[in-house]
């Protein structure tokens, strides 16, 4: 079974955040970043590409698990491709593991968990696929609010119908 590029979930955390007034206040930044992440999770769950892309800064730098940089247009195409074989998200969550705020920059480590039904190659049969992924994100405060400008995958696991998937194995 082909696996979609998990950049869709990875970038679900690279989201717009409206006006944080206390940028030095870690609790305020955390709360507002959590709210932004929730909006991205919802856009992914409902497969709303316009809402999803509206949350991605124009000059964001996104890295896939192999270290390659994903352009914004490529991100949109990847998300639509990935979503086309996902008839239903069973659960999706992204949690902040740690946050460090320094002026207008925040380093945020997140963990995501996404369980969904995915179509097999026949286009009818589904598998239950669970992925986990950790990210390191660099957020910057702009006049429009906080944005995640750089997202790097740090590793995770994939399970198909409860069995751990190992590429090439």
C-alpha atoms as a PDB file:
ATOM      1  CA  UNK A   1       0.000   0.000   0.000  1.00  0.00           C
ATOM      2  CA  UNK A   2       1.461   3.403  -0.892  1.00  0.00           C
ATOM      3  CA  UNK A   3       1.917   5.846   1.951  1.00  0.00           C
ATOM      4  CA  UNK A   4       1.079   9.468   1.480  1.00  0.00           C
ATOM      5  CA  UNK A   5       3.715  11.997   2.353  1.00  0.00           C
ATOM      6  CA  UNK A   6       2.957  12.879   5.941  1.00  0.00           C
ATOM      7  CA  UNK A   7       3.797  16.501   5.295  1.00  0.00           C
ATOM      8  CA  UNK A   8       0.099  17.262   5.485  1.00  0.00           C
ATOM      9  CA  UNK A   9       0.032  16.467   9.168  1.00  0.00           C
ATOM     10  CA  UNK A  10       3.491  17.800   9.743  1.00  0.00           C
ATOM     11  CA  UNK A  11       2.411  21.159   8.398  1.00  0.00           C
ATOM     12  CA  UNK A  12      -0.849  21.094  10.178  1.00  0.00           C
ATOM     13  CA  UNK A  13       1.168  22.668  12.956  1.00  0.00           C
ATOM     14  CA  UNK A  14       2.603  25.439  10.759  1.00  0.00           C
ATOM     15  CA  UNK A  15      -0.299  27.780  11.342  1.00  0.00           C
ATOM     16  CA  UNK A  16      -1.312  31.403  11.593  1.00  0.00           C
ATOM     17  CA  UNK A  17      -1.939  32.704  15.081  1.00  0.00           C
ATOM     18  CA  UNK A  18      -3.703  35.992  15.808  1.00  0.00           C
ATOM     19  CA  UNK A  19      -2.112  38.707  17.948  1.00  0.00           C
ATOM     20  CA  UNK A  20      -0.227  37.541  21.021  1.00  0.00           C
ATOM     21  CA  UNK A  21      -0.024  40.623  23.224  1.00  0.00           C
ATOM     22  CA  UNK A  22       2.370  39.215  25.827  1.00  0.00           C
ATOM     23  CA  UNK A  23       5.098  37.734  23.642  1.00  0.00           C
ATOM     24  CA  UNK A  24       7.385  37.328  26.665  1.00  0.00           C
ATOM     25  CA  UNK A  25       4.647  35.508  28.568  1.00  0.00           C
ATOM     26  CA  UNK A  26       5.211  31.829  27.800  1.00  0.00           C
ATOM     27  CA  UNK A  27       1.771  30.809  29.059  1.00  0.00           C
ATOM     28  CA  UNK A  28       0.040  33.297  26.742  1.00  0.00           C
ATOM     29  CA  UNK A  29       2.186  32.251  23.775  1.00  0.00           C
ATOM     30  CA  UNK A  30       1.542  28.574  24.536  1.00  0.00           C
ATOM     31  CA  UNK A  31      -2.199  29.107  24.795  1.00  0.00           C
ATOM     32  CA  UNK A  32      -2.357  31.019  21.519  1.00  0.00           C
ATOM     33  CA  UNK A  33      -0.113  28.534  19.695  1.00  0.00           C
ATOM     34  CA  UNK A  34      -2.283  25.665  20.989  1.00  0.00           C
ATOM     35  CA  UNK A  35      -5.342  27.460  19.576  1.00  0.00           C
ATOM     36  CA  UNK A  36      -3.617  27.840  16.202  1.00  0.00           C
ATOM     37  CA  UNK A  37      -2.635  24.179  16.193  1.00  0.00           C
ATOM     38  CA  UNK A  38      -6.259  23.256  16.936  1.00  0.00           C
ATOM     39  CA  UNK A  39      -7.399  25.242  13.883  1.00  0.00           C
ATOM     40  CA  UNK A  40      -4.881  23.381  11.724  1.00  0.00           C
ATOM     41  CA  UNK A  41      -5.918  20.024  13.130  1.00  0.00           C
ATOM     42  CA  UNK A  42      -9.557  20.837  12.329  1.00  0.00           C
ATOM     43  CA  UNK A  43      -8.659  21.902   8.776  1.00  0.00           C
ATOM     44  CA  UNK A  44      -6.853  18.573   8.313  1.00  0.00           C
ATOM     45  CA  UNK A  45      -9.676  16.560   9.895  1.00  0.00           C
ATOM     46  CA  UNK A  46     -12.272  18.166   7.611  1.00  0.00           C
ATOM     47  CA  UNK A  47      -9.898  18.289   4.620  1.00  0.00           C
ATOM     48  CA  UNK A  48     -10.530  22.010   4.128  1.00  0.00           C
ATOM     49  CA  UNK A  49      -7.592  22.935   1.883  1.00  0.00           C
ATOM     50  CA  UNK A  50      -8.406  26.652   1.806  1.00  0.00           C
ATOM     51  CA  UNK A  51      -8.529  26.883   5.615  1.00  0.00           C
ATOM     52  CA  UNK A  52      -5.382  24.758   5.809  1.00  0.00           C
ATOM     53  CA  UNK A  53      -3.364  26.876   3.355  1.00  0.00           C
ATOM     54  CA  UNK A  54      -4.619  30.156   4.830  1.00  0.00           C
ATOM     55  CA  UNK A  55      -2.724  29.199   7.985  1.00  0.00           C
ATOM     56  CA  UNK A  56       0.638  28.656   6.276  1.00  0.00           C
ATOM     57  CA  UNK A  57       2.908  31.704   5.993  1.00  0.00           C
ATOM     58  CA  UNK A  58       4.047  32.534   2.475  1.00  0.00           C
ATOM     59  CA  UNK A  59       7.725  32.243   3.409  1.00  0.00           C
ATOM     60  CA  UNK A  60       7.529  29.187   5.686  1.00  0.00           C
ATOM     61  CA  UNK A  61      10.340  26.604   5.430  1.00  0.00           C
ATOM     62  CA  UNK A  62       9.014  23.076   5.723  1.00  0.00           C
ATOM     63  CA  UNK A  63      11.234  20.000   5.922  1.00  0.00           C
ATOM     64  CA  UNK A  64      10.072  16.441   5.311  1.00  0.00           C
ATOM     65  CA  UNK A  65      11.479  13.470   7.230  1.00  0.00           C
ATOM     66  CA  UNK A  66      14.368  13.154   4.765  1.00  0.00           C
ATOM     67  CA  UNK A  67      15.423  16.781   5.186  1.00  0.00           C
ATOM     68  CA  UNK A  68      14.096  17.978   1.820  1.00  0.00           C
ATOM     69  CA  UNK A  69      12.449  21.398   1.732  1.00  0.00           C
ATOM     70  CA  UNK A  70       8.791  21.442   0.687  1.00  0.00           C
ATOM     71  CA  UNK A  71       7.602  24.516  -1.241  1.00  0.00           C
ATOM     72  CA  UNK A  72       4.184  25.982  -0.422  1.00  0.00           C
ATOM     73  CA  UNK A  73       2.646  24.904  -3.761  1.00  0.00           C
ATOM     74  CA  UNK A  74       4.066  21.424  -3.258  1.00  0.00           C
ATOM     75  CA  UNK A  75       2.566  21.345   0.230  1.00  0.00           C
ATOM     76  CA  UNK A  76      -0.887  22.127  -1.181  1.00  0.00           C
ATOM     77  CA  UNK A  77      -0.559  19.433  -3.849  1.00  0.00           C
ATOM     78  CA  UNK A  78       0.731  16.907  -1.301  1.00  0.00           C
ATOM     79  CA  UNK A  79      -2.138  17.617   1.094  1.00  0.00           C
ATOM     80  CA  UNK A  80      -4.753  17.193  -1.643  1.00  0.00           C
ATOM     81  CA  UNK A  81      -3.070  13.996  -2.859  1.00  0.00           C
ATOM     82  CA  UNK A  82      -2.869  12.593   0.669  1.00  0.00           C
ATOM     83  CA  UNK A  83      -6.438  13.524   1.525  1.00  0.00           C
ATOM     84  CA  UNK A  84      -7.772  11.933  -1.686  1.00  0.00           C
ATOM     85  CA  UNK A  85      -7.092   8.471  -0.228  1.00  0.00           C
ATOM     86  CA  UNK A  86      -8.318   9.277   3.298  1.00  0.00           C
ATOM     87  CA  UNK A  87     -12.077   8.814   3.435  1.00  0.00           C
ATOM     88  CA  UNK A  88     -12.186   9.413   7.198  1.00  0.00           C
ATOM     89  CA  UNK A  89     -10.017  10.693  10.022  1.00  0.00           C
ATOM     90  CA  UNK A  90     -10.764   8.638  13.134  1.00  0.00           C
ATOM     91  CA  UNK A  91      -8.731  10.841  15.478  1.00  0.00           C
ATOM     92  CA  UNK A  92      -6.071  13.501  15.169  1.00  0.00           C
ATOM     93  CA  UNK A  93      -4.209  15.477  17.805  1.00  0.00           C
ATOM     94  CA  UNK A  94      -1.128  17.623  18.139  1.00  0.00           C
ATOM     95  CA  UNK A  95       0.266  18.414  21.585  1.00  0.00           C
ATOM     96  CA  UNK A  96       2.930  20.890  22.620  1.00  0.00           C
ATOM     97  CA  UNK A  97       5.673  19.002  24.449  1.00  0.00           C
ATOM     98  CA  UNK A  98       7.794  22.058  25.202  1.00  0.00           C
ATOM     99  CA  UNK A  99       7.990  25.725  24.336  1.00  0.00           C
ATOM    100  CA  UNK A 100      10.741  28.295  24.794  1.00  0.00           C
ATOM    101  CA  UNK A 101       9.945  31.926  24.011  1.00  0.00           C
ATOM    102  CA  UNK A 102      12.660  34.514  23.391  1.00  0.00           C
ATOM    103  CA  UNK A 103      11.270  37.856  22.264  1.00  0.00           C
ATOM    104  CA  UNK A 104       9.451  37.392  18.977  1.00  0.00           C
ATOM    105  CA  UNK A 105      10.651  33.786  18.475  1.00  0.00           C
ATOM    106  CA  UNK A 106       9.428  30.556  20.015  1.00  0.00           C
ATOM    107  CA  UNK A 107      10.904  27.076  19.674  1.00  0.00           C
ATOM    108  CA  UNK A 108       8.073  24.581  19.992  1.00  0.00           C
ATOM    109  CA  UNK A 109       8.386  20.797  20.151  1.00  0.00           C
ATOM    110  CA  UNK A 110       5.166  18.968  19.277  1.00  0.00           C
ATOM    111  CA  UNK A 111       3.894  15.405  19.083  1.00  0.00           C
ATOM    112  CA  UNK A 112       1.153  14.418  16.678  1.00  0.00           C
ATOM    113  CA  UNK A 113      -1.021  11.346  16.463  1.00  0.00           C
ATOM    114  CA  UNK A 114      -3.244  10.742  13.419  1.00  0.00           C
ATOM    115  CA  UNK A 115      -5.458   7.695  12.980  1.00  0.00           C
ATOM    116  CA  UNK A 116      -7.430   7.436   9.774  1.00  0.00           C
ATOM    117  CA  UNK A 117      -8.961   5.129   7.236  1.00  0.00           C
ATOM    118  CA  UNK A 118      -6.900   4.995   4.054  1.00  0.00           C
ATOM    119  CA  UNK A 119      -7.869   3.461   0.736  1.00  0.00           C
ATOM    120  CA  UNK A 120      -5.817   0.613  -0.650  1.00  0.00           C
ATOM    121  CA  UNK A 121      -4.823   0.576  -4.323  1.00  0.00           C
ATOM    122  CA  UNK A 122      -8.174  -0.958  -5.327  1.00  0.00           C
ATOM    123  CA  UNK A 123      -9.814   2.328  -4.252  1.00  0.00           C
ATOM    124  CA  UNK A 124     -12.414   0.549  -2.101  1.00  0.00           C
ATOM    125  CA  UNK A 125     -10.737  -1.477   0.646  1.00  0.00           C
ATOM    126  CA  UNK A 126      -9.566   0.547   3.637  1.00  0.00           C
ATOM    127  CA  UNK A 127      -6.841   0.091   6.210  1.00  0.00           C
ATOM    128  CA  UNK A 128      -6.687   1.785   9.585  1.00  0.00           C
ATOM    129  CA  UNK A 129      -3.432   3.741   9.604  1.00  0.00           C
ATOM    130  CA  UNK A 130      -1.951   5.387  12.684  1.00  0.00           C
ATOM    131  CA  UNK A 131       1.043   7.691  12.435  1.00  0.00           C
ATOM    132  CA  UNK A 132       2.890   9.455  15.184  1.00  0.00           C
ATOM    133  CA  UNK A 133       5.411  12.192  14.527  1.00  0.00           C
ATOM    134  CA  UNK A 134       7.432  14.630  16.609  1.00  0.00           C
ATOM    135  CA  UNK A 135       8.298  18.078  15.251  1.00  0.00           C
ATOM    136  CA  UNK A 136      10.601  20.945  16.081  1.00  0.00           C
ATOM    137  CA  UNK A 137       8.996  24.204  15.022  1.00  0.00           C
ATOM    138  CA  UNK A 138      10.323  27.737  14.955  1.00  0.00           C
ATOM    139  CA  UNK A 139       7.523  30.258  15.447  1.00  0.00           C
ATOM    140  CA  UNK A 140       7.886  34.010  14.909  1.00  0.00           C
ATOM    141  CA  UNK A 141       5.626  36.805  15.979  1.00  0.00           C
ATOM    142  CA  UNK A 142       4.680  39.130  13.137  1.00  0.00           C
ATOM    143  CA  UNK A 143       2.352  42.132  13.017  1.00  0.00           C
ATOM    144  CA  UNK A 144      -0.385  39.608  12.041  1.00  0.00           C
ATOM    145  CA  UNK A 145       0.389  37.245  14.940  1.00  0.00           C
ATOM    146  CA  UNK A 146       2.448  34.100  15.493  1.00  0.00           C
ATOM    147  CA  UNK A 147       3.417  31.862  12.579  1.00  0.00           C
ATOM    148  CA  UNK A 148       5.354  28.614  12.472  1.00  0.00           C
ATOM    149  CA  UNK A 149       8.080  29.437   9.959  1.00  0.00           C
ATOM    150  CA  UNK A 150      10.161  26.307  10.121  1.00  0.00           C
ATOM    151  CA  UNK A 151       8.936  22.789  10.825  1.00  0.00           C
ATOM    152  CA  UNK A 152      11.228  19.790  11.001  1.00  0.00           C
ATOM    153  CA  UNK A 153      10.115  16.178  11.440  1.00  0.00           C
ATOM    154  CA  UNK A 154      12.011  14.430  14.226  1.00  0.00           C
ATOM    155  CA  UNK A 155      10.656  10.908  13.812  1.00  0.00           C
ATOM    156  CA  UNK A 156       7.674   8.756  14.521  1.00  0.00           C
ATOM    157  CA  UNK A 157       6.016   5.457  13.769  1.00  0.00           C
ATOM    158  CA  UNK A 158       3.414   4.083  11.363  1.00  0.00           C
ATOM    159  CA  UNK A 159       0.964   1.281  12.154  1.00  0.00           C
ATOM    160  CA  UNK A 160      -1.332  -0.410   9.621  1.00  0.00           C
ATOM    161  CA  UNK A 161      -4.281  -2.276  11.118  1.00  0.00           C
ATOM    162  CA  UNK A 162      -2.397  -2.401  14.411  1.00  0.00           C
ATOM    163  CA  UNK A 163       0.850  -3.759  12.942  1.00  0.00           C
ATOM    164  CA  UNK A 164       4.004  -1.610  12.929  1.00  0.00           C
ATOM    165  CA  UNK A 165       4.959  -0.724   9.355  1.00  0.00           C
ATOM    166  CA  UNK A 166       8.646  -0.913   8.431  1.00  0.00           C
ATOM    167  CA  UNK A 167       9.528   0.489   5.001  1.00  0.00           C
ATOM    168  CA  UNK A 168      11.369  -2.000   2.836  1.00  0.00           C
ATOM    169  CA  UNK A 169      10.622  -4.827   5.268  1.00  0.00           C
END
